[in-house]
Amino acid sequence: MVGNFFRRIGKFFLDFIETVVMALSVFVIIYLFLFQPHQVRGSSMYPNFHDGEYILTDKITYRLREPKEGDVIIFRAPKNEEYDYIKRIIATPGKCVQIINGKVYIDGKPLEEPYLPPDYTTSPGSFLRAGQTVCVPEKNYFVLGDNRSHSSDSREWGFVPQQNIIGKAFFRYWPPNRFGKID
């Protein structure tokens, strides 16, 4: 009787440990290869992303296609790769960028930015000066924060190398009132 009881308890613990190991294995695979959680820090992407929000980063999409203009990406910061930044791709390889009178131009045409309020202006920086044209080299991207007056981005430090891109902002899961897919 007592031996049977201990066998059942032992089986229960082995089943429990097996379940925990399987769950952790699935989590690690998802985290390393599919999706990664990130927290938005700061106001550089306001009004579309707020300080303290939690998002999932899709790590698969850019294995299947190249990043495109308008995508919100997570990447290792060019000046300090210990930090991850969130910014929007404004120009892809081969495109040329200018800032004239507070407006962004891509290949000489004004950039349509429906994700920003119409009164937003874009100031030049130390990398991209007013009226200057910079062309994006192969395997690099020009990115800007949505909150242009409070963003350290390609205007200041230049292009984001493709190998620094972690993935695409995919899903916002915190706070609950902003829960949902990111377009």
Protein backbone atom coordinates (compact mmCIF):
# COMPACT_ATOMS: atom_id res chain seq x y z
CA MET A 1 0.00 0.00 0.00
CA VAL A 2 2.61 2.54 1.11
CA GLY A 3 4.90 1.57 -1.79
CA ASN A 4 2.04 2.11 -4.25
CA PHE A 5 1.38 5.56 -2.75
CA PHE A 6 5.04 6.61 -3.17
CA ARG A 7 5.09 5.29 -6.76
CA ARG A 8 2.06 7.45 -7.59
CA ILE A 9 3.64 10.51 -5.96
CA GLY A 10 6.91 9.84 -7.85
CA LYS A 11 5.02 9.48 -11.14
CA PHE A 12 3.13 12.72 -10.44
CA PHE A 13 6.40 14.63 -9.87
CA LEU A 14 8.03 13.13 -12.96
CA ASP A 15 4.99 14.10 -15.06
CA PHE A 16 5.07 17.59 -13.55
CA ILE A 17 8.80 18.03 -14.27
CA GLU A 18 8.32 16.71 -17.81
CA THR A 19 5.53 19.25 -18.39
CA VAL A 20 7.65 22.12 -17.07
CA VAL A 21 10.64 21.11 -19.23
CA MET A 22 8.43 20.85 -22.33
CA ALA A 23 6.82 24.25 -21.64
CA LEU A 24 10.23 25.89 -21.13
CA SER A 25 11.55 24.28 -24.32
CA VAL A 26 8.63 25.64 -26.34
CA PHE A 27 9.10 29.08 -24.75
CA VAL A 28 12.83 29.14 -25.57
CA ILE A 29 12.21 28.12 -29.19
CA ILE A 30 9.53 30.79 -29.61
CA TYR A 31 11.71 33.44 -27.91
CA LEU A 32 14.85 32.67 -29.91
CA PHE A 33 13.35 32.11 -33.34
CA LEU A 34 9.81 33.49 -33.64
CA PHE A 35 8.77 36.32 -31.30
CA GLN A 36 10.54 38.37 -28.66
CA PRO A 37 8.98 40.72 -26.10
CA HIS A 38 10.22 44.31 -25.89
CA GLN A 39 9.29 47.31 -23.77
CA VAL A 40 8.98 50.76 -25.33
CA ARG A 41 11.18 53.15 -23.38
CA GLY A 42 10.92 56.88 -23.85
CA SER A 43 8.76 59.04 -26.07
CA SER A 44 10.58 58.81 -29.42
CA MET A 45 7.67 56.94 -31.07
CA TYR A 46 4.82 58.98 -29.55
CA PRO A 47 1.90 59.26 -30.45
CA ASN A 48 1.86 55.72 -31.90
CA PHE A 49 3.84 54.02 -29.11
CA HIS A 50 3.89 55.14 -25.49
CA ASP A 51 6.56 54.82 -22.82
CA GLY A 52 6.11 51.57 -20.87
CA GLU A 53 4.12 49.69 -23.50
CA TYR A 54 5.00 46.05 -24.15
CA ILE A 55 5.14 44.70 -27.67
CA LEU A 56 6.04 41.45 -29.39
CA THR A 57 8.69 41.59 -32.08
CA ASP A 58 8.18 39.33 -35.10
CA LYS A 59 11.54 37.74 -35.91
CA ILE A 60 10.27 35.73 -38.92
CA THR A 61 9.00 38.30 -41.43
CA TYR A 62 12.41 39.61 -42.46
CA ARG A 63 13.65 36.11 -43.16
CA LEU A 64 10.93 35.90 -45.82
CA ARG A 65 11.04 39.45 -47.21
CA GLU A 66 13.07 42.62 -47.00
CA PRO A 67 12.02 45.41 -44.61
CA LYS A 68 9.96 48.13 -46.29
CA GLU A 69 9.15 51.81 -45.79
CA GLY A 70 6.69 52.39 -42.97
CA ASP A 71 7.63 49.23 -41.03
CA VAL A 72 8.24 49.80 -37.33
CA ILE A 73 11.36 47.85 -36.42
CA ILE A 74 13.31 46.87 -33.33
CA PHE A 75 17.08 46.94 -33.79
CA ARG A 76 20.32 47.03 -31.88
CA ALA A 77 21.36 50.66 -31.49
CA PRO A 78 24.19 51.60 -33.87
CA LYS A 79 26.19 53.46 -31.22
CA ASN A 80 25.65 50.95 -28.40
CA GLU A 81 24.44 47.50 -29.43
CA GLU A 82 23.57 46.60 -25.84
CA TYR A 83 20.36 48.64 -26.31
CA ASP A 84 17.41 47.95 -28.57
CA TYR A 85 15.66 50.85 -30.31
CA ILE A 86 12.25 51.10 -31.91
CA LYS A 87 11.90 53.34 -34.98
CA ARG A 88 10.08 53.52 -38.31
CA ILE A 89 11.81 52.77 -41.62
CA ILE A 90 11.63 55.87 -43.80
CA ALA A 91 13.95 54.84 -46.63
CA THR A 92 15.28 51.52 -47.92
CA PRO A 93 18.51 50.78 -49.83
CA GLY A 94 18.93 52.90 -52.94
CA LYS A 95 16.51 55.65 -51.83
CA CYS A 96 17.70 59.21 -51.20
CA VAL A 97 16.47 61.29 -48.25
CA GLN A 98 16.27 65.07 -47.75
CA ILE A 99 14.76 67.34 -45.12
CA ILE A 100 13.57 70.68 -46.49
CA ASN A 101 11.55 73.20 -44.46
CA GLY A 102 10.54 70.59 -41.88
CA LYS A 103 9.36 68.04 -44.46
CA VAL A 104 10.97 64.69 -45.37
CA TYR A 105 11.54 63.98 -49.06
CA ILE A 106 12.33 60.57 -50.55
CA ASP A 107 13.84 60.66 -54.05
CA GLY A 108 12.66 64.27 -54.38
CA LYS A 109 9.00 63.58 -53.44
CA PRO A 110 7.37 64.58 -50.14
CA LEU A 111 6.98 61.60 -47.80
CA GLU A 112 3.34 60.82 -47.00
CA GLU A 113 3.12 60.01 -43.28
CA PRO A 114 -0.50 59.18 -42.37
CA TYR A 115 0.68 57.83 -38.99
CA LEU A 116 1.67 61.35 -37.86
CA PRO A 117 -0.44 64.41 -37.06
CA PRO A 118 -0.42 66.81 -40.06
CA ASP A 119 1.33 69.61 -38.13
CA TYR A 120 4.45 67.54 -37.27
CA THR A 121 7.71 68.88 -38.64
CA THR A 122 11.06 67.18 -38.99
CA SER A 123 14.26 68.97 -38.07
CA PRO A 124 17.59 68.01 -39.63
CA GLY A 125 20.39 66.53 -37.54
CA SER A 126 24.15 66.22 -37.45
CA PHE A 127 24.17 63.33 -39.98
CA LEU A 128 21.42 64.62 -42.28
CA ARG A 129 21.69 68.39 -42.45
CA ALA A 130 19.05 70.76 -43.88
CA GLY A 131 18.87 70.56 -47.67
CA GLN A 132 21.52 67.83 -47.83
CA THR A 133 20.71 64.58 -49.63
CA VAL A 134 21.85 61.20 -48.29
CA CYS A 135 21.35 57.98 -50.21
CA VAL A 136 20.83 54.73 -48.33
CA PRO A 137 23.54 52.15 -49.12
CA GLU A 138 22.84 48.46 -49.71
CA LYS A 139 21.83 46.45 -46.63
CA ASN A 140 21.12 49.64 -44.64
CA TYR A 141 18.00 51.60 -43.66
CA PHE A 142 17.16 55.18 -42.77
CA VAL A 143 14.88 55.31 -39.70
CA LEU A 144 13.06 58.05 -37.80
CA GLY A 145 11.13 58.16 -34.57
CA ASP A 146 7.51 59.26 -34.90
CA ASN A 147 8.08 61.97 -32.26
CA ARG A 148 10.64 63.81 -34.36
CA SER A 149 11.49 66.49 -31.81
CA HIS A 150 12.32 63.84 -29.15
CA SER A 151 14.01 61.09 -31.13
CA SER A 152 17.60 60.04 -31.60
CA ASP A 153 17.51 58.46 -35.05
CA SER A 154 19.16 58.34 -38.49
CA ARG A 155 19.26 62.16 -38.65
CA GLU A 156 21.84 62.03 -35.86
CA TRP A 157 23.78 58.75 -36.22
CA GLY A 158 23.18 57.56 -39.78
CA PHE A 159 21.92 54.31 -41.20
CA VAL A 160 20.82 51.09 -39.49
CA PRO A 161 22.70 48.08 -40.87
CA GLN A 162 20.42 45.20 -41.83
CA GLN A 163 22.27 42.83 -39.49
CA ASN A 164 21.23 45.04 -36.53
CA ILE A 165 17.52 44.51 -37.18
CA ILE A 166 15.92 42.14 -34.66
CA GLY A 167 12.47 42.21 -36.19
CA LYS A 168 9.24 44.00 -36.88
CA ALA A 169 6.94 45.40 -34.17
CA PHE A 170 4.00 43.02 -34.44
CA PHE A 171 1.66 43.01 -31.45
CA ARG A 172 1.04 45.28 -28.46
CA TYR A 173 0.05 43.33 -25.35
CA TRP A 174 0.29 45.98 -22.62
CA PRO A 175 -1.50 48.11 -21.56
CA PRO A 176 -4.82 46.28 -22.07
CA ASN A 177 -6.58 49.33 -23.53
CA ARG A 178 -4.05 49.37 -26.44
CA PHE A 179 -3.98 45.57 -26.88
CA GLY A 180 -3.84 44.44 -30.50
CA LYS A 181 -1.96 43.95 -33.75
CA ILE A 182 0.36 46.76 -34.85
CA ASP A 183 -0.26 47.93 -38.42
